[in-house]
Protein backbone atom coordinates (compact mmCIF):
# COMPACT_ATOMS: atom_id res chain seq x y z
CA MET A 1 112.61 96.56 80.23
CA GLU A 2 109.69 98.25 81.97
CA PHE A 3 107.36 101.03 80.83
CA GLY A 4 105.01 103.22 82.79
CA VAL A 5 103.05 106.45 82.50
CA GLN A 6 102.91 109.51 84.70
CA VAL A 7 99.15 110.02 84.66
CA ASN A 8 98.26 113.70 84.91
CA VAL A 9 96.00 114.54 87.86
CA TYR A 10 95.43 118.26 87.15
CA GLU A 11 92.50 119.83 85.30
CA THR A 12 90.88 116.41 85.01
CA ASP A 13 88.37 114.20 86.83
CA TRP A 14 88.33 110.85 88.58
CA ASP A 15 86.60 109.01 85.72
CA SER A 16 89.37 110.02 83.31
CA ILE A 17 92.09 108.98 85.76
CA SER A 18 90.37 105.64 86.33
CA LYS A 19 90.04 105.08 82.57
CA SER A 20 93.79 105.52 82.09
CA ILE A 21 94.60 103.18 84.98
CA MET A 22 92.36 100.35 83.83
CA THR A 23 93.60 100.66 80.22
CA MET A 24 97.16 100.29 81.47
CA GLU A 25 96.29 97.41 83.79
CA ALA A 26 94.92 95.49 80.79
CA GLY A 27 97.98 96.08 78.60
CA ARG A 28 101.75 95.67 78.57
CA TRP A 29 102.31 98.63 80.87
CA GLY A 30 104.31 97.92 84.01
CA SER A 31 103.84 100.95 86.26
CA VAL A 32 101.77 104.06 86.95
CA TRP A 33 103.08 107.27 88.51
CA PHE A 34 101.52 110.43 89.88
CA ALA A 35 102.79 113.89 90.74
CA ASP A 36 102.46 115.37 94.22
CA HIS A 37 101.13 118.92 94.14
CA PHE A 38 98.24 120.57 95.92
CA LEU A 39 97.79 123.22 93.24
CA PRO A 40 98.22 122.64 89.51
CA PRO A 41 101.67 124.09 88.77
CA HIS A 42 100.96 127.21 86.72
CA VAL A 43 103.59 126.35 84.12
CA SER A 44 101.82 123.03 83.47
CA SER A 45 98.34 124.51 83.21
CA THR A 46 96.30 125.28 80.12
CA LYS A 47 95.21 128.48 81.88
CA THR A 48 97.10 131.72 81.36
CA ASP A 49 96.00 133.28 84.65
CA GLN A 50 97.56 131.82 87.80
CA MET A 51 94.49 132.16 90.01
CA GLU A 52 92.33 130.63 87.30
CA ALA A 53 94.77 127.72 87.08
CA GLU A 54 94.73 127.23 90.84
CA ALA A 55 90.94 126.85 90.81
CA GLU A 56 91.27 123.70 88.69
CA THR A 57 91.33 120.18 90.14
CA ALA A 58 94.50 118.75 91.68
CA PHE A 59 94.11 115.29 93.21
CA GLU A 60 96.26 114.51 96.28
CA GLY A 61 98.96 112.02 95.36
CA PHE A 62 99.12 109.60 98.29
CA THR A 63 95.37 109.21 98.70
CA LEU A 64 95.09 108.65 94.97
CA ILE A 65 97.78 106.00 94.77
CA SER A 66 96.25 104.10 97.69
CA VAL A 67 92.96 103.88 95.81
CA VAL A 68 94.76 102.78 92.64
CA ALA A 69 96.52 100.02 94.59
CA GLY A 70 93.11 98.55 95.38
CA MET A 71 91.94 98.88 91.77
CA THR A 72 94.88 97.01 90.27
CA GLN A 73 96.62 93.67 90.62
CA ARG A 74 99.90 94.00 88.74
CA LEU A 75 100.84 97.62 87.95
CA LYS A 76 103.70 98.94 90.06
CA LEU A 77 102.99 102.22 91.81
CA GLY A 78 104.92 105.41 92.54
CA HIS A 79 105.10 109.19 92.49
CA LEU A 80 107.27 111.56 90.49
CA VAL A 81 107.84 112.73 93.14
CA LEU A 82 106.58 113.28 96.70
CA GLY A 83 107.60 116.65 98.14
CA ASN A 84 109.59 116.24 101.34
CA SER A 85 108.31 119.51 102.82
CA TYR A 86 104.66 118.39 102.78
CA ARG A 87 104.90 115.49 105.24
CA ASN A 88 107.07 114.35 108.13
CA PRO A 89 109.46 111.73 106.70
CA ALA A 90 108.75 109.24 109.50
CA LEU A 91 105.06 109.48 108.61
CA VAL A 92 105.98 108.97 104.95
CA ALA A 93 107.87 105.79 105.89
CA LYS A 94 104.80 104.51 107.75
CA MET A 95 102.50 105.36 104.86
CA ALA A 96 104.91 103.68 102.45
CA THR A 97 105.09 100.37 104.30
CA THR A 98 101.31 100.31 104.73
CA LEU A 99 100.87 100.78 100.98
CA ASP A 100 103.62 98.27 100.24
CA HIS A 101 101.72 95.58 102.15
CA ALA A 102 98.35 96.56 100.70
CA SER A 103 99.77 96.33 97.17
CA LYS A 104 101.83 93.20 97.90
CA GLY A 105 105.14 94.84 97.13
CA ARG A 106 104.29 97.08 94.17
CA PHE A 107 105.28 100.46 95.64
CA THR A 108 108.36 102.62 95.01
CA LEU A 109 108.89 105.54 97.39
CA SER A 110 109.94 108.58 95.36
CA LEU A 111 110.97 111.72 97.21
CA GLY A 112 112.19 115.17 96.22
CA ALA A 113 113.24 118.35 98.02
CA SER A 114 110.12 120.33 96.90
CA TRP A 115 110.28 123.33 94.59
CA TYR A 116 106.86 124.97 94.16
CA GLU A 117 106.85 127.99 96.47
CA ARG A 118 103.33 129.12 95.65
CA GLU A 119 101.60 126.05 97.10
CA HIS A 120 103.66 126.33 100.28
CA LEU A 121 102.40 129.88 100.70
CA ALA A 122 98.83 128.85 99.84
CA TYR A 123 98.66 126.15 102.51
CA GLY A 124 100.81 127.71 105.20
CA TRP A 125 103.92 125.54 104.87
CA LYS A 126 107.35 127.01 105.35
CA PHE A 127 109.43 127.28 102.18
CA PRO A 128 113.07 127.41 103.30
CA SER A 129 116.08 128.32 101.20
CA LEU A 130 117.31 125.85 98.60
CA LYS A 131 120.18 124.93 100.90
CA GLU A 132 117.88 124.16 103.83
CA ARG A 133 115.48 122.22 101.62
CA SER A 134 118.43 120.18 100.34
CA ASP A 135 119.67 119.62 103.90
CA ARG A 136 116.21 118.54 105.04
CA PHE A 137 115.83 116.29 102.02
CA GLU A 138 119.12 114.49 102.61
CA GLU A 139 118.31 114.01 106.29
CA ALA A 140 114.83 112.71 105.42
CA CYS A 141 116.27 110.15 102.99
CA LYS A 142 118.75 109.02 105.63
CA LEU A 143 115.98 108.67 108.23
CA ILE A 144 113.64 106.76 105.92
CA ARG A 145 116.34 104.35 104.79
CA LEU A 146 117.27 103.73 108.43
CA LEU A 147 113.65 102.95 109.30
CA PHE A 148 113.31 100.67 106.27
CA THR A 149 116.44 98.66 107.09
CA SER A 150 116.36 98.49 110.89
CA GLU A 151 115.00 95.45 112.71
CA GLN A 152 114.78 97.40 115.96
CA PRO A 153 113.07 100.65 117.01
CA VAL A 154 115.05 103.62 115.73
CA ASN A 155 116.60 106.54 117.56
CA PHE A 156 117.48 109.50 115.37
CA ASP A 157 118.76 112.91 116.43
CA GLY A 158 119.07 115.00 113.30
CA GLU A 159 119.13 118.72 112.76
CA PHE A 160 115.53 118.72 111.50
CA TYR A 161 114.01 115.36 112.47
CA GLN A 162 114.11 113.27 115.64
CA LEU A 163 112.95 109.77 116.55
CA ASP A 164 112.76 108.23 120.02
CA GLN A 165 112.68 104.43 119.89
CA ALA A 166 110.37 104.57 116.85
CA PRO A 167 109.35 101.17 115.47
CA LEU A 168 108.27 100.65 111.87
CA SER A 169 105.79 97.80 111.94
CA PRO A 170 104.85 96.43 109.57
CA ASN A 171 108.18 96.94 107.89
CA CYS A 172 108.64 96.69 104.13
CA TYR A 173 106.81 93.93 102.27
CA GLN A 174 109.52 94.03 99.61
CA LYS A 175 112.90 92.64 100.50
CA PRO A 176 115.38 93.96 101.34
CA HIS A 177 113.16 97.09 101.43
CA ILE A 178 110.98 99.44 99.39
CA PRO A 179 113.07 101.04 96.61
CA ILE A 180 113.79 104.73 97.21
CA LEU A 181 113.76 106.95 94.12
CA VAL A 182 115.62 110.21 94.79
CA GLY A 183 114.05 112.87 92.60
CA GLY A 184 116.18 115.45 90.84
CA THR A 185 119.62 115.51 89.25
CA GLY A 186 121.35 118.40 91.00
CA GLU A 187 124.99 117.49 90.83
CA LYS A 188 126.39 118.73 94.15
CA ARG A 189 123.67 117.63 96.55
CA THR A 190 120.86 115.59 95.01
CA LEU A 191 122.95 113.01 93.17
CA LEU A 192 125.14 112.69 96.27
CA THR A 193 122.02 112.03 98.35
CA LEU A 194 121.03 109.38 95.81
CA ALA A 195 124.44 107.73 96.02
CA LYS A 196 124.17 107.59 99.81
CA TYR A 197 120.54 106.67 100.40
CA GLY A 198 118.69 105.95 97.15
CA ASP A 199 118.05 103.03 94.84
CA VAL A 200 116.59 104.63 91.70
CA PHE A 201 117.86 107.45 89.44
CA ASN A 202 115.34 109.34 87.31
CA LEU A 203 116.15 111.84 84.57
CA ASP A 204 113.15 114.14 84.28
CA GLY A 205 112.43 115.18 80.71
CA TRP A 206 110.03 117.87 81.92
CA SER A 207 112.64 119.77 83.89
CA GLY A 208 115.83 118.73 82.17
CA ARG A 209 117.36 119.34 78.77
CA GLY A 210 114.78 117.29 76.95
CA MET A 211 115.84 113.70 76.41
CA SER A 212 119.34 114.30 75.07
CA MET A 213 121.73 111.40 75.40
CA ASP A 214 124.61 113.67 76.32
CA LEU A 215 122.68 114.99 79.33
CA TYR A 216 121.81 111.46 80.46
CA LYS A 217 125.42 110.30 80.17
CA HIS A 218 126.66 113.39 81.99
CA LYS A 219 124.30 112.95 84.94
CA VAL A 220 125.09 109.24 85.22
CA SER A 221 128.82 109.98 85.21
CA VAL A 222 128.36 112.47 88.07
CA LEU A 223 126.34 109.88 89.98
CA GLU A 224 129.03 107.26 89.43
CA LYS A 225 131.68 109.59 90.87
CA HIS A 226 129.55 110.17 93.97
CA CYS A 227 129.04 106.41 94.32
CA GLU A 228 132.79 105.86 94.17
CA ASN A 229 133.35 108.50 96.85
CA VAL A 230 130.80 106.98 99.26
CA GLY A 231 131.70 103.35 98.57
CA ARG A 232 128.52 102.49 96.65
CA ASN A 233 128.34 100.21 93.61
CA PRO A 234 126.66 102.34 90.90
CA THR A 235 125.17 99.24 89.31
CA ASP A 236 122.99 98.90 92.41
CA ILE A 237 121.10 102.04 91.33
CA LYS A 238 118.34 101.54 88.76
CA LYS A 239 118.37 104.03 85.86
CA THR A 240 115.00 105.42 84.74
CA LEU A 241 113.63 108.25 82.57
CA LEU A 242 110.52 110.41 82.69
CA MET A 243 110.03 110.91 78.96
CA PRO A 244 107.44 113.30 77.50
CA ILE A 245 106.29 111.63 74.29
CA LYS A 246 104.41 112.57 71.14
CA ILE A 247 103.92 110.06 68.34
CA THR A 248 103.12 111.77 65.05
CA ASN A 249 104.17 111.69 61.41
CA SER A 250 103.65 115.44 61.20
CA LYS A 251 106.84 117.48 61.54
CA SER A 252 104.84 120.56 62.48
CA GLU A 253 103.05 118.69 65.30
CA ALA A 254 106.35 117.34 66.58
CA ARG A 255 107.88 120.82 66.49
CA GLU A 256 104.93 122.35 68.33
CA PHE A 257 105.17 119.67 71.04
CA ILE A 258 108.89 120.28 71.50
CA GLU A 259 108.46 124.04 71.64
CA LYS A 260 105.86 123.68 74.39
CA LEU A 261 108.51 121.94 76.47
CA GLY A 262 111.05 124.61 75.61
CA TYR A 263 110.60 126.86 78.63
CA ARG A 264 111.90 124.02 80.77
CA SER A 265 114.73 123.17 78.44
CA SER A 266 115.90 126.78 78.40
CA ASP A 267 115.65 127.26 82.17
CA SER A 268 119.15 127.84 83.47
CA THR A 269 118.27 126.00 86.69
CA HIS A 270 117.78 122.72 84.85
CA GLY A 271 118.83 123.05 81.23
CA SER A 272 122.49 123.88 81.64
CA PHE A 273 125.59 121.89 82.32
CA GLY A 274 129.10 122.77 81.35
CA GLY A 275 127.90 126.35 80.89
CA LYS A 276 125.82 125.57 77.80
CA LEU A 277 122.16 126.36 77.29
CA VAL A 278 120.26 124.90 74.35
CA SER A 279 117.23 125.93 72.36
CA PRO A 280 114.07 123.79 72.52
CA LEU A 281 114.73 122.22 69.13
CA GLU A 282 118.15 121.02 70.30
CA THR A 283 116.75 119.05 73.22
CA ASP A 284 116.28 115.70 71.47
CA SER A 285 112.78 115.51 72.93
CA VAL A 286 110.97 112.34 71.89
CA ALA A 287 108.46 113.54 69.32
CA GLY A 288 108.07 111.92 65.91
CA SER A 289 107.16 108.72 64.14
CA VAL A 290 106.85 105.32 65.77
CA ASP A 291 110.15 104.26 64.19
CA TYR A 292 111.90 107.34 65.60
CA VAL A 293 110.49 106.77 69.10
CA VAL A 294 111.47 103.09 69.04
CA GLN A 295 114.97 104.07 67.92
CA ARG A 296 115.36 106.62 70.75
CA ILE A 297 114.16 104.12 73.35
CA GLY A 298 116.60 101.53 72.05
CA GLU A 299 119.47 104.01 72.39
CA PHE A 300 118.69 104.57 76.06
CA ILE A 301 118.31 100.85 76.73
CA ASP A 302 121.77 100.34 75.25
CA GLU A 303 123.08 102.88 77.79
CA GLY A 304 121.59 101.04 80.76
CA VAL A 305 118.10 102.53 81.20
CA GLU A 306 115.83 99.94 82.82
CA GLU A 307 112.50 101.77 82.94
CA ILE A 308 110.85 104.63 81.04
CA MET A 309 107.87 106.54 82.37
CA PHE A 310 106.07 108.39 79.57
CA GLY A 311 104.50 111.80 80.11
CA ALA A 312 102.27 114.19 78.15
CA ILE A 313 99.57 111.60 77.41
CA ASP A 314 96.13 113.09 78.01
CA THR A 315 94.40 111.57 81.03
CA GLY A 316 91.61 109.26 79.90
CA ASP A 317 93.05 108.89 76.38
CA SER A 318 92.85 105.12 76.23
CA GLU A 319 93.33 105.11 72.45
CA THR A 320 96.81 106.66 72.72
CA LEU A 321 97.76 104.34 75.59
CA GLN A 322 96.69 101.33 73.52
CA MET A 323 98.45 102.64 70.41
CA ILE A 324 101.75 103.09 72.25
CA ASP A 325 101.29 99.67 73.84
CA GLU A 326 100.75 97.98 70.47
CA GLU A 327 103.19 99.95 68.31
CA VAL A 328 106.04 100.77 70.72
CA LEU A 329 106.00 98.57 73.82
CA ARG A 330 105.68 95.35 71.83
CA HIS A 331 109.24 95.88 70.55
CA PHE A 332 110.64 95.73 74.08
CA VAL A 333 108.24 93.88 76.40
């Protein structure tokens, strides 16, 4: 079982980020993850005014992770997740293999279709319809996997991307290739793209229905059906969670934490399947005592989860990282 942290890179500074990284490197932690946004998403900000929020720091994800690769020796590295619309996918493949060699095989390439319209407008990037973004995303995943697995220069004539005898050298340090995490759990397109071209499933507790077991089982069952339809063994796909976490013996603190996540849990885009929406307090978000958190983690392990990335830990809060390491991770690592 592996555990990581999505280290927040908004409204913070480099010293705090570095403090979190080095605390994790010295402990039982197995991986570190970063988001990929050029503006702090307003819904994640402590600021109530959008323009005020946008003036806060937002560190660029790929530059950051390259620096962290040089700072560390053992932590695995990844994003949750890179936005496909920000970079040409062939360039992403080249960046990924470079980082994979520099880190001696510690990198996972995580890619999503992109969702934050405001930063596209801010920086002059096109923000197509959801259908076109999904089409582009699937084609990008296909192209990247082809580059990762080909021993020869690649020709590719897609609707959105083209390659003309494009080599990828150096190729992946990891064998058979860098794992590809397909971000999102949309049932018609995203999970199908994962079944075709991905290696890692991630249930996002920020944008999903909390950390409810029924949601996890439902999404995995949809993925398994897609795998069957495309001739893929579902056991080849690693199951992971991005789990917002709050350890407290105070019921009021736990409730407050859960309610702060509630706008995501109640969002009909993410929080509904089978026609049912739930209230924040029905989300099974992981907030409570150490014993409760350990119990919840054990339940997911029993259902096949192989890695959990924790979220909602303040950047630079080495005391909380060490406390979770000593009181939670020791039960599993």
